[in-house]
Each structure stands twice: as C-alpha cells, then as structure tokens.
Amino acid sequence: MIKHTLRAGRVVVGIVLLVVGIVLALPLVPGPGIPLIFIGLTALSYEFEWARRLRQWGHAEFDRLRRRDVG
C-alpha cells in the first residue's frame, strides 16, 4: 500500500512540477522554469522510461552547451 502511494505521489509531484516549469519557461513569465522542468522529469523518471530518456537528453544538451567554446 505504501509503495503504491509513494509511486502515485511521485507521479503527481512530477507532473505538477513539469507543468509549472513549462508555464514559467514561457516568455514574459518570470521564474525558474527550466530547473523546475528538470526536477519534474527527475521525479517522473523513477516511474517512466520516456521521462528518463528526456532527462538524459536534456542533461547531455546542457553539458554540450556548457563545454562549447564561446570565443
């Protein structure tokens, strides 16, 4: 019973964080949208493979952009 409650809670929290992050990532809306999207995907990645792949892709893109030579 506790296992199912934990899974359902993780899914609900992940979806809420993902939706709020997407709204905050819109132009002219102030807030930490991108970090909330990553946190939401992290919560969802415990239960869903698509969220795990999307989170890994996002981290890889972030690392690629961070290592890119600006000058």
N, C-alpha and C. Protein backbone atom coordinates (compact mmCIF):
# COMPACT_ATOMS: atom_id res chain seq x y z
N MET A 1 0.82 -1.20 0.00
CA MET A 1 0.00 0.00 0.00
C MET A 1 0.86 1.26 0.00
N ILE A 2 1.88 1.28 0.84
CA ILE A 2 2.76 2.45 0.90
C ILE A 2 3.52 2.61 -0.41
N LYS A 3 3.90 1.48 -1.02
CA LYS A 3 4.63 1.54 -2.29
C LYS A 3 3.79 2.21 -3.37
N HIS A 4 2.51 1.86 -3.44
CA HIS A 4 1.62 2.46 -4.44
C HIS A 4 1.38 3.94 -4.15
N THR A 5 1.26 4.29 -2.89
CA THR A 5 1.07 5.69 -2.52
C THR A 5 2.29 6.51 -2.88
N LEU A 6 3.48 5.96 -2.64
CA LEU A 6 4.71 6.65 -2.98
C LEU A 6 4.82 6.84 -4.49
N ARG A 7 4.49 5.81 -5.25
CA ARG A 7 4.53 5.92 -6.72
C ARG A 7 3.54 6.96 -7.21
N ALA A 8 2.32 6.94 -6.70
CA ALA A 8 1.31 7.91 -7.13
C ALA A 8 1.72 9.33 -6.74
N GLY A 9 2.25 9.49 -5.56
CA GLY A 9 2.71 10.80 -5.12
C GLY A 9 3.84 11.32 -5.97
N ARG A 10 4.78 10.44 -6.33
CA ARG A 10 5.90 10.82 -7.19
C ARG A 10 5.41 11.26 -8.57
N VAL A 11 4.44 10.56 -9.11
CA VAL A 11 3.89 10.91 -10.42
C VAL A 11 3.16 12.25 -10.35
N VAL A 12 2.36 12.46 -9.33
CA VAL A 12 1.62 13.72 -9.20
C VAL A 12 2.58 14.89 -9.04
N VAL A 13 3.57 14.75 -8.15
CA VAL A 13 4.54 15.82 -7.94
C VAL A 13 5.32 16.09 -9.23
N GLY A 14 5.71 15.05 -9.93
CA GLY A 14 6.45 15.22 -11.18
C GLY A 14 5.65 15.95 -12.23
N ILE A 15 4.38 15.59 -12.37
CA ILE A 15 3.53 16.24 -13.37
C ILE A 15 3.29 17.70 -13.01
N VAL A 16 3.03 17.98 -11.73
CA VAL A 16 2.81 19.36 -11.30
C VAL A 16 4.05 20.21 -11.55
N LEU A 17 5.23 19.70 -11.17
CA LEU A 17 6.46 20.45 -11.39
C LEU A 17 6.73 20.66 -12.87
N LEU A 18 6.45 19.65 -13.67
CA LEU A 18 6.66 19.76 -15.11
C LEU A 18 5.74 20.83 -15.72
N VAL A 19 4.48 20.82 -15.36
CA VAL A 19 3.53 21.79 -15.91
C VAL A 19 3.88 23.20 -15.43
N VAL A 20 4.17 23.36 -14.15
CA VAL A 20 4.53 24.69 -13.63
C VAL A 20 5.82 25.16 -14.29
N GLY A 21 6.78 24.27 -14.48
CA GLY A 21 8.02 24.64 -15.14
C GLY A 21 7.81 25.08 -16.58
N ILE A 22 6.93 24.40 -17.29
CA ILE A 22 6.63 24.79 -18.67
C ILE A 22 5.98 26.16 -18.71
N VAL A 23 5.06 26.42 -17.79
CA VAL A 23 4.41 27.74 -17.74
C VAL A 23 5.43 28.81 -17.41
N LEU A 24 6.31 28.56 -16.45
CA LEU A 24 7.32 29.55 -16.07
C LEU A 24 8.40 29.73 -17.11
N ALA A 25 8.54 28.80 -18.02
CA ALA A 25 9.54 28.91 -19.08
C ALA A 25 9.03 29.72 -20.27
N LEU A 26 7.76 30.07 -20.27
CA LEU A 26 7.21 30.88 -21.35
C LEU A 26 7.80 32.28 -21.32
N PRO A 27 7.89 32.93 -22.47
CA PRO A 27 8.39 34.31 -22.48
C PRO A 27 7.48 35.24 -21.67
N LEU A 28 8.08 36.21 -21.05
CA LEU A 28 7.42 37.24 -20.25
C LEU A 28 6.83 36.71 -18.94
N VAL A 29 7.14 35.48 -18.56
CA VAL A 29 6.70 34.93 -17.29
C VAL A 29 7.96 34.72 -16.44
N PRO A 30 8.12 35.49 -15.37
CA PRO A 30 9.34 35.36 -14.57
C PRO A 30 9.30 34.10 -13.72
N GLY A 31 10.45 33.47 -13.58
CA GLY A 31 10.52 32.31 -12.71
C GLY A 31 11.52 31.29 -13.21
N PRO A 32 11.81 30.32 -12.36
CA PRO A 32 12.80 29.29 -12.69
C PRO A 32 12.18 28.12 -13.45
N GLY A 33 11.78 28.35 -14.69
CA GLY A 33 11.07 27.33 -15.45
C GLY A 33 11.90 26.11 -15.80
N ILE A 34 13.09 26.32 -16.34
CA ILE A 34 13.92 25.19 -16.79
C ILE A 34 14.33 24.29 -15.62
N PRO A 35 14.80 24.83 -14.48
CA PRO A 35 15.12 23.92 -13.37
C PRO A 35 13.90 23.13 -12.87
N LEU A 36 12.73 23.74 -12.86
CA LEU A 36 11.53 23.00 -12.44
C LEU A 36 11.19 21.88 -13.42
N ILE A 37 11.43 22.11 -14.70
CA ILE A 37 11.19 21.06 -15.69
C ILE A 37 12.13 19.88 -15.43
N PHE A 38 13.41 20.17 -15.16
CA PHE A 38 14.36 19.08 -14.87
C PHE A 38 14.01 18.34 -13.58
N ILE A 39 13.57 19.07 -12.56
CA ILE A 39 13.17 18.42 -11.30
C ILE A 39 11.93 17.55 -11.52
N GLY A 40 10.98 18.06 -12.28
CA GLY A 40 9.79 17.27 -12.59
C GLY A 40 10.12 16.02 -13.38
N LEU A 41 11.02 16.15 -14.36
CA LEU A 41 11.43 14.97 -15.13
C LEU A 41 12.19 13.97 -14.26
N THR A 42 12.96 14.48 -13.31
CA THR A 42 13.68 13.57 -12.40
C THR A 42 12.69 12.77 -11.57
N ALA A 43 11.66 13.43 -11.06
CA ALA A 43 10.64 12.71 -10.28
C ALA A 43 9.90 11.69 -11.15
N LEU A 44 9.58 12.07 -12.38
CA LEU A 44 8.86 11.15 -13.27
C LEU A 44 9.76 10.02 -13.79
N SER A 45 11.08 10.25 -13.83
CA SER A 45 11.97 9.25 -14.40
C SER A 45 12.08 8.00 -13.53
N TYR A 46 11.65 8.09 -12.27
CA TYR A 46 11.63 6.89 -11.43
C TYR A 46 10.55 5.92 -11.88
N GLU A 47 9.54 6.42 -12.58
CA GLU A 47 8.41 5.58 -12.97
C GLU A 47 8.28 5.35 -14.47
N PHE A 48 8.79 6.29 -15.29
CA PHE A 48 8.56 6.24 -16.73
C PHE A 48 9.87 6.30 -17.49
N GLU A 49 10.02 5.42 -18.47
CA GLU A 49 11.22 5.39 -19.30
C GLU A 49 11.32 6.63 -20.19
N TRP A 50 10.20 7.14 -20.71
CA TRP A 50 10.25 8.31 -21.58
C TRP A 50 10.80 9.52 -20.83
N ALA A 51 10.45 9.65 -19.55
CA ALA A 51 10.96 10.77 -18.75
C ALA A 51 12.45 10.60 -18.50
N ARG A 52 12.88 9.37 -18.30
CA ARG A 52 14.31 9.10 -18.09
C ARG A 52 15.12 9.46 -19.33
N ARG A 53 14.63 9.07 -20.50
CA ARG A 53 15.34 9.41 -21.75
C ARG A 53 15.36 10.91 -22.00
N LEU A 54 14.23 11.58 -21.75
CA LEU A 54 14.17 13.02 -21.95
C LEU A 54 15.09 13.76 -20.97
N ARG A 55 15.15 13.29 -19.74
CA ARG A 55 16.04 13.90 -18.75
C ARG A 55 17.50 13.70 -19.15
N GLN A 56 17.86 12.51 -19.60
CA GLN A 56 19.24 12.25 -20.04
C GLN A 56 19.59 13.10 -21.25
N TRP A 57 18.67 13.26 -22.18
CA TRP A 57 18.91 14.11 -23.35
C TRP A 57 19.13 15.56 -22.92
N GLY A 58 18.30 16.04 -21.99
CA GLY A 58 18.43 17.42 -21.51
C GLY A 58 19.76 17.65 -20.81
N HIS A 59 20.19 16.69 -20.02
CA HIS A 59 21.49 16.83 -19.35
C HIS A 59 22.63 16.81 -20.37
N ALA A 60 22.52 15.97 -21.37
CA ALA A 60 23.56 15.91 -22.40
C ALA A 60 23.63 17.21 -23.18
N GLU A 61 22.49 17.78 -23.52
CA GLU A 61 22.47 19.06 -24.23
C GLU A 61 23.03 20.18 -23.36
N PHE A 62 22.68 20.18 -22.08
CA PHE A 62 23.20 21.19 -21.17
C PHE A 62 24.72 21.09 -21.07
N ASP A 63 25.24 19.87 -20.95
CA ASP A 63 26.70 19.68 -20.90
C ASP A 63 27.36 20.10 -22.20
N ARG A 64 26.73 19.79 -23.32
CA ARG A 64 27.28 20.16 -24.62
C ARG A 64 27.35 21.69 -24.76
N LEU A 65 26.29 22.37 -24.36
CA LEU A 65 26.28 23.83 -24.44
C LEU A 65 27.27 24.46 -23.46
N ARG A 66 27.45 23.84 -22.32
CA ARG A 66 28.36 24.36 -21.32
C ARG A 66 29.81 24.24 -21.77
N ARG A 67 30.14 23.15 -22.48
CA ARG A 67 31.51 22.91 -22.93
C ARG A 67 31.84 23.66 -24.21
N ARG A 68 30.85 24.17 -24.89
CA ARG A 68 31.06 24.83 -26.17
C ARG A 68 31.93 26.06 -25.98
N ASP A 69 32.88 26.24 -26.89
CA ASP A 69 33.79 27.38 -26.82
C ASP A 69 33.06 28.62 -27.33
N VAL A 70 32.96 29.63 -26.50
CA VAL A 70 32.21 30.83 -26.83
C VAL A 70 33.01 31.72 -27.78
N GLY A 71 34.30 31.80 -27.59
CA GLY A 71 35.12 32.73 -28.36
C GLY A 71 35.64 32.13 -29.60
